[in-house]
Protein backbone atom coordinates (compact mmCIF):
# COMPACT_ATOMS: atom_id res chain seq x y z
CA UNK A 1 0.00 0.00 0.00
CA UNK A 2 1.25 3.45 -0.91
CA UNK A 3 0.84 6.93 0.52
CA UNK A 4 0.58 9.96 -1.75
CA UNK A 5 1.79 13.45 -0.83
CA UNK A 6 0.85 16.51 -2.89
CA UNK A 7 3.87 18.82 -2.98
CA UNK A 8 3.17 22.41 -4.01
CA UNK A 9 6.37 23.80 -5.50
CA UNK A 10 5.13 27.15 -6.76
CA UNK A 11 2.43 29.21 -8.43
CA UNK A 12 1.89 30.90 -11.77
CA UNK A 13 -0.03 34.18 -12.04
CA UNK A 14 -1.82 34.10 -15.38
CA UNK A 15 -3.69 37.14 -16.78
CA UNK A 16 -7.27 36.10 -17.55
CA UNK A 17 -10.25 38.29 -18.30
CA UNK A 18 -8.83 41.34 -16.58
CA UNK A 19 -8.00 39.32 -13.47
CA UNK A 20 -5.05 37.29 -12.29
CA UNK A 21 -5.65 33.55 -12.29
CA UNK A 22 -3.48 31.79 -9.71
CA UNK A 23 -2.31 28.38 -10.86
CA UNK A 24 -0.68 26.25 -8.14
CA UNK A 25 2.00 23.90 -9.46
CA UNK A 26 2.08 20.45 -7.82
CA UNK A 27 4.14 17.30 -8.03
CA UNK A 28 3.31 14.10 -6.13
CA UNK A 29 5.44 11.88 -3.96
CA UNK A 30 4.27 8.26 -3.95
CA UNK A 31 5.91 6.09 -1.30
CA UNK A 32 5.50 2.93 0.73
CA UNK A 33 8.45 3.80 2.96
CA UNK A 34 10.87 1.73 0.91
CA UNK A 35 10.13 2.71 -2.67
CA UNK A 36 9.83 6.37 -3.63
CA UNK A 37 8.31 7.62 -6.88
CA UNK A 38 7.64 11.14 -8.13
CA UNK A 39 4.80 12.04 -10.46
CA UNK A 40 5.73 15.10 -12.53
CA UNK A 41 8.71 17.34 -11.85
CA UNK A 42 7.06 20.75 -12.07
CA UNK A 43 8.31 24.01 -13.53
CA UNK A 44 11.68 25.69 -13.60
CA UNK A 45 12.35 28.59 -11.22
CA UNK A 46 10.06 31.59 -11.60
CA UNK A 47 12.83 33.93 -12.79
CA UNK A 48 13.32 31.75 -15.86
CA UNK A 49 9.56 31.40 -16.37
CA UNK A 50 9.27 35.19 -16.42
CA UNK A 51 12.07 35.36 -18.96
CA UNK A 52 10.57 32.67 -21.23
CA UNK A 53 6.86 33.43 -20.96
CA UNK A 54 6.51 36.87 -19.33
CA UNK A 55 4.45 35.25 -16.57
CA UNK A 56 5.07 35.93 -12.87
CA UNK A 57 4.51 33.82 -9.76
CA UNK A 58 6.74 32.21 -7.18
CA UNK A 59 8.77 29.08 -6.55
CA UNK A 60 9.71 26.35 -9.00
CA UNK A 61 13.12 24.98 -9.89
CA UNK A 62 15.55 22.74 -8.07
CA UNK A 63 15.39 24.61 -4.77
CA UNK A 64 11.64 24.13 -4.45
CA UNK A 65 11.78 20.43 -5.27
CA UNK A 66 14.66 19.77 -2.90
CA UNK A 67 12.88 21.62 -0.10
CA UNK A 68 9.61 19.73 -0.54
CA UNK A 69 11.36 16.36 -0.68
CA UNK A 70 13.46 17.23 2.38
CA UNK A 71 10.25 17.72 4.36
CA UNK A 72 9.77 13.97 3.91
CA UNK A 73 13.37 13.10 4.70
CA UNK A 74 14.24 12.49 1.05
CA UNK A 75 16.64 13.77 -1.59
CA UNK A 76 16.37 13.50 -5.39
CA UNK A 77 18.65 10.46 -5.25
CA UNK A 78 15.97 8.58 -3.30
CA UNK A 79 13.51 8.75 -6.21
CA UNK A 80 13.68 5.56 -8.28
CA UNK A 81 11.19 6.59 -11.00
CA UNK A 82 9.86 9.91 -12.25
CA UNK A 83 6.53 9.52 -14.05
CA UNK A 84 5.70 12.41 -16.38
CA UNK A 85 1.95 12.77 -16.96
CA UNK A 86 2.84 14.90 -20.00
CA UNK A 87 5.65 17.17 -21.14
CA UNK A 88 4.29 20.70 -20.72
CA UNK A 89 6.77 23.10 -19.11
CA UNK A 90 4.97 23.24 -15.75
CA UNK A 91 4.95 19.43 -15.37
CA UNK A 92 8.18 18.15 -16.90
CA UNK A 93 11.03 20.53 -16.10
CA UNK A 94 13.75 19.80 -13.52
CA UNK A 95 14.34 16.25 -14.75
CA UNK A 96 18.06 17.02 -14.59
CA UNK A 97 17.72 17.06 -10.78
CA UNK A 98 17.11 13.29 -10.97
CA UNK A 99 20.07 11.84 -12.90
CA UNK A 100 19.78 8.49 -11.08
CA UNK A 101 16.03 8.12 -11.60
CA UNK A 102 14.26 6.47 -14.51
CA UNK A 103 11.97 8.93 -16.29
CA UNK A 104 8.81 7.23 -17.57
CA UNK A 105 6.91 8.88 -20.42
CA UNK A 106 4.69 7.79 -23.26
CA UNK A 107 6.58 7.48 -26.55
CA UNK A 108 3.76 9.35 -28.26
CA UNK A 109 4.21 12.27 -25.87
CA UNK A 110 7.87 12.64 -26.75
CA UNK A 111 7.01 12.69 -30.46
CA UNK A 112 4.27 15.26 -29.82
CA UNK A 113 6.70 17.46 -27.88
CA UNK A 114 8.95 17.55 -30.95
CA UNK A 115 6.08 18.44 -33.32
CA UNK A 116 3.13 19.54 -31.17
CA UNK A 117 -0.40 20.59 -31.97
CA UNK A 118 0.25 24.17 -33.16
CA UNK A 119 -1.70 25.82 -30.34
CA UNK A 120 0.49 23.98 -27.82
CA UNK A 121 3.86 25.07 -29.19
CA UNK A 122 4.54 27.52 -26.31
CA UNK A 123 4.06 24.76 -23.69
CA UNK A 124 6.91 22.49 -24.86
CA UNK A 125 10.48 23.58 -24.22
CA UNK A 126 13.56 22.39 -26.10
CA UNK A 127 15.76 22.05 -23.03
CA UNK A 128 13.29 19.57 -21.51
CA UNK A 129 13.33 17.40 -24.62
CA UNK A 130 17.11 17.63 -24.85
CA UNK A 131 17.53 16.46 -21.25
CA UNK A 132 15.29 13.45 -21.79
CA UNK A 133 16.96 12.49 -25.05
CA UNK A 134 20.38 12.64 -23.40
CA UNK A 135 19.42 9.91 -20.92
CA UNK A 136 20.62 6.36 -21.32
CA UNK A 137 17.93 3.81 -22.05
CA UNK A 138 16.46 1.90 -20.36
CA UNK A 139 18.09 2.89 -17.05
CA UNK A 140 17.45 6.62 -17.32
CA UNK A 141 14.51 6.78 -19.73
CA UNK A 142 11.63 4.37 -20.29
CA UNK A 143 9.41 5.06 -23.28
CA UNK A 144 6.08 3.24 -23.01
CA UNK A 145 3.23 2.57 -25.41
CA UNK A 146 -0.18 2.49 -23.75
CA UNK A 147 -1.27 1.24 -20.32
CA UNK A 148 1.19 -0.49 -18.01
CA UNK A 149 1.83 -1.47 -14.40
CA UNK A 150 4.94 0.25 -13.06
CA UNK A 151 5.01 -1.84 -9.88
CA UNK A 152 2.33 -3.64 -7.92
CA UNK A 153 0.00 -0.90 -6.70
CA UNK A 154 0.84 1.69 -9.39
CA UNK A 155 -1.09 1.34 -12.64
CA UNK A 156 -0.66 3.91 -15.42
CA UNK A 157 -3.37 4.60 -18.00
CA UNK A 158 -2.66 6.16 -21.38
CA UNK A 159 -5.47 8.71 -21.90
CA UNK A 160 -5.01 10.94 -25.00
CA UNK A 161 -6.81 14.22 -24.30
CA UNK A 162 -4.87 17.28 -23.16
CA UNK A 163 -1.96 15.87 -25.17
CA UNK A 164 -1.70 12.66 -27.24
CA UNK A 165 0.64 11.05 -24.71
CA UNK A 166 -1.21 12.04 -21.55
CA UNK A 167 -0.91 9.35 -18.87
CA UNK A 168 -2.50 9.06 -15.42
CA UNK A 169 -0.97 7.05 -12.55
CA UNK A 170 -3.49 5.25 -10.34
CA UNK A 171 -2.07 4.48 -6.91
CA UNK A 172 -3.44 1.90 -4.48
CA UNK A 173 -3.66 3.12 -0.86
CA UNK A 174 -5.19 1.69 2.30
CA UNK A 175 -8.49 3.50 1.59
CA UNK A 176 -8.69 2.90 -2.13
CA UNK A 177 -7.28 4.07 -5.44
CA UNK A 178 -6.05 7.60 -6.15
CA UNK A 179 -5.84 8.88 -9.73
CA UNK A 180 -3.25 11.63 -10.14
CA UNK A 181 -5.08 13.10 -13.11
CA UNK A 182 -2.83 16.11 -13.68
CA UNK A 183 -4.27 18.15 -16.58
CA UNK A 184 -6.74 15.54 -17.79
CA UNK A 185 -9.00 17.71 -15.65
CA UNK A 186 -6.85 20.17 -13.73
CA UNK A 187 -9.64 21.52 -11.48
CA UNK A 188 -12.53 19.75 -9.78
CA UNK A 189 -14.99 21.75 -11.91
CA UNK A 190 -13.99 19.67 -14.93
CA UNK A 191 -14.80 16.40 -13.17
CA UNK A 192 -17.98 17.56 -11.41
CA UNK A 193 -19.29 20.44 -13.56
CA UNK A 194 -22.83 20.31 -12.12
CA UNK A 195 -21.84 20.09 -8.44
CA UNK A 196 -21.87 23.38 -6.46
CA UNK A 197 -19.12 22.00 -4.21
CA UNK A 198 -16.79 21.77 -7.19
CA UNK A 199 -17.65 25.00 -8.97
CA UNK A 200 -19.40 28.26 -8.21
CA UNK A 201 -21.00 28.06 -11.67
CA UNK A 202 -22.61 24.60 -11.74
CA UNK A 203 -23.98 23.52 -15.11
CA UNK A 204 -27.03 21.27 -14.77
CA UNK A 205 -26.97 19.83 -18.24
CA UNK A 206 -23.51 18.41 -17.56
CA UNK A 207 -24.64 16.37 -14.54
CA UNK A 208 -24.05 13.08 -16.37
CA UNK A 209 -20.75 13.90 -17.99
CA UNK A 210 -17.52 15.91 -17.70
CA UNK A 211 -16.22 19.24 -18.91
CA UNK A 212 -13.12 18.81 -21.10
CA UNK A 213 -10.49 21.50 -20.72
CA UNK A 214 -9.73 24.21 -23.29
CA UNK A 215 -6.18 23.08 -24.17
CA UNK A 216 -6.52 19.83 -26.07
CA UNK A 217 -5.06 17.71 -28.83
CA UNK A 218 -8.05 15.34 -29.10
CA UNK A 219 -11.77 15.82 -29.66
CA UNK A 220 -14.16 16.73 -26.86
CA UNK A 221 -15.75 13.28 -27.10
CA UNK A 222 -12.39 11.54 -26.81
CA UNK A 223 -11.45 13.67 -23.81
CA UNK A 224 -14.72 12.92 -21.99
CA UNK A 225 -14.26 9.22 -22.73
CA UNK A 226 -10.75 9.39 -21.26
CA UNK A 227 -12.11 10.98 -18.08
CA UNK A 228 -14.76 8.28 -17.79
CA UNK A 229 -12.13 5.60 -18.26
CA UNK A 230 -10.12 7.00 -15.36
CA UNK A 231 -13.24 7.22 -13.16
CA UNK A 232 -13.94 3.55 -13.90
CA UNK A 233 -10.52 2.64 -12.46
CA UNK A 234 -10.33 4.84 -9.35
CA UNK A 235 -12.02 6.06 -6.17
CA UNK A 236 -10.87 9.69 -6.11
CA UNK A 237 -9.22 12.03 -8.59
CA UNK A 238 -6.54 14.61 -7.76
CA UNK A 239 -6.37 17.52 -10.23
CA UNK A 240 -3.09 19.31 -10.85
CA UNK A 241 -3.99 22.98 -10.45
CA UNK A 242 -6.76 23.14 -7.86
CA UNK A 243 -5.94 24.65 -4.45
CA UNK A 244 -8.29 22.20 -2.69
CA UNK A 245 -6.63 18.87 -3.43
CA UNK A 246 -5.78 16.57 -0.48
CA UNK A 247 -2.18 16.89 0.63
CA UNK A 248 -1.68 13.46 2.24
CA UNK A 249 -3.61 10.42 1.06
CA UNK A 250 -5.14 8.26 2.44
CA UNK A 251 -5.14 10.45 5.58
CA UNK A 252 -6.92 13.17 3.57
CA UNK A 253 -9.65 11.60 1.48
CA UNK A 254 -12.46 13.11 -0.56
CA UNK A 255 -13.91 12.82 -4.03
CA UNK A 256 -15.20 16.41 -4.02
CA UNK A 257 -14.18 19.26 -1.69
CA UNK A 258 -16.73 20.39 0.89
CA UNK A 259 -17.31 23.67 -0.93
CA UNK A 260 -15.75 26.20 -3.28
CA UNK A 261 -14.53 28.22 -0.29
CA UNK A 262 -10.94 27.02 -0.62
CA UNK A 263 -10.76 27.76 -4.33
CA UNK A 264 -8.64 30.91 -4.30
CA UNK A 265 -7.74 30.90 -7.98
CA UNK A 266 -8.95 34.49 -8.39
CA UNK A 267 -8.12 35.79 -4.92
CA UNK A 268 -5.38 38.40 -5.38
CA UNK A 269 -2.05 36.93 -4.26
CA UNK A 270 -0.34 38.43 -1.24
CA UNK A 271 3.39 38.71 -0.72
CA UNK A 272 3.03 36.28 2.20
CA UNK A 273 1.62 33.59 -0.11
CA UNK A 274 5.05 32.75 -1.51
CA UNK A 275 7.09 30.12 0.32
CA UNK A 276 10.78 30.77 0.76
CA UNK A 277 13.12 27.93 -0.17
């Protein structure tokens, strides 16, 4: 049985409709006390993000990852495998911090990163691809095709949607299965679009389905089918960019947050919100 820890390593402040949308950036530590896995490696440090994308925020980079792992008594060398849900810049940077880990990514995702859907070109960065391609196979890089079991208790589903090589780890814990869904639905509102606990703008006619996100490589029908496939294999989902996700599973356990009260995506950030590393 595994435990899952949500590690917030930073935030992005994205201009949206005249407001600032706060996007928390998470990675996940999956551990049974002996084996330690990381799901996603997050974004580079915010100074470089500002330089590349003209977007502000806080955190990111090696310092943030080291600090979050140290809170659990770990260093990057303790991570045996790094599972990348996809290769966007806020999920797949910092792989160079894990030279002794095996990075696991869908082969199709790597090809897509080289020649992406045109609207996604800004989200893939050459230095990330170069670092992966410099790794020795199979010790440092494992390219997979479709669903697979990484180890007993960690199943990975290939779910083309946000990107063609999107993959979702499903982790078995003492209370049930946790799907680390990343950007397959990066906020609870995409999974429960008609539920007022998930969104302050519930949509009744979506009570029997899902709300696919706006950044996609596949059709809306394919995306919704991918979300349903994940729901068929899990007990709870953990979105990547929602402030209300559980931080320690199975100790924290919910399918839907109690309310939208903790969703501070459009609450103006304060200087005290940033965590020093």
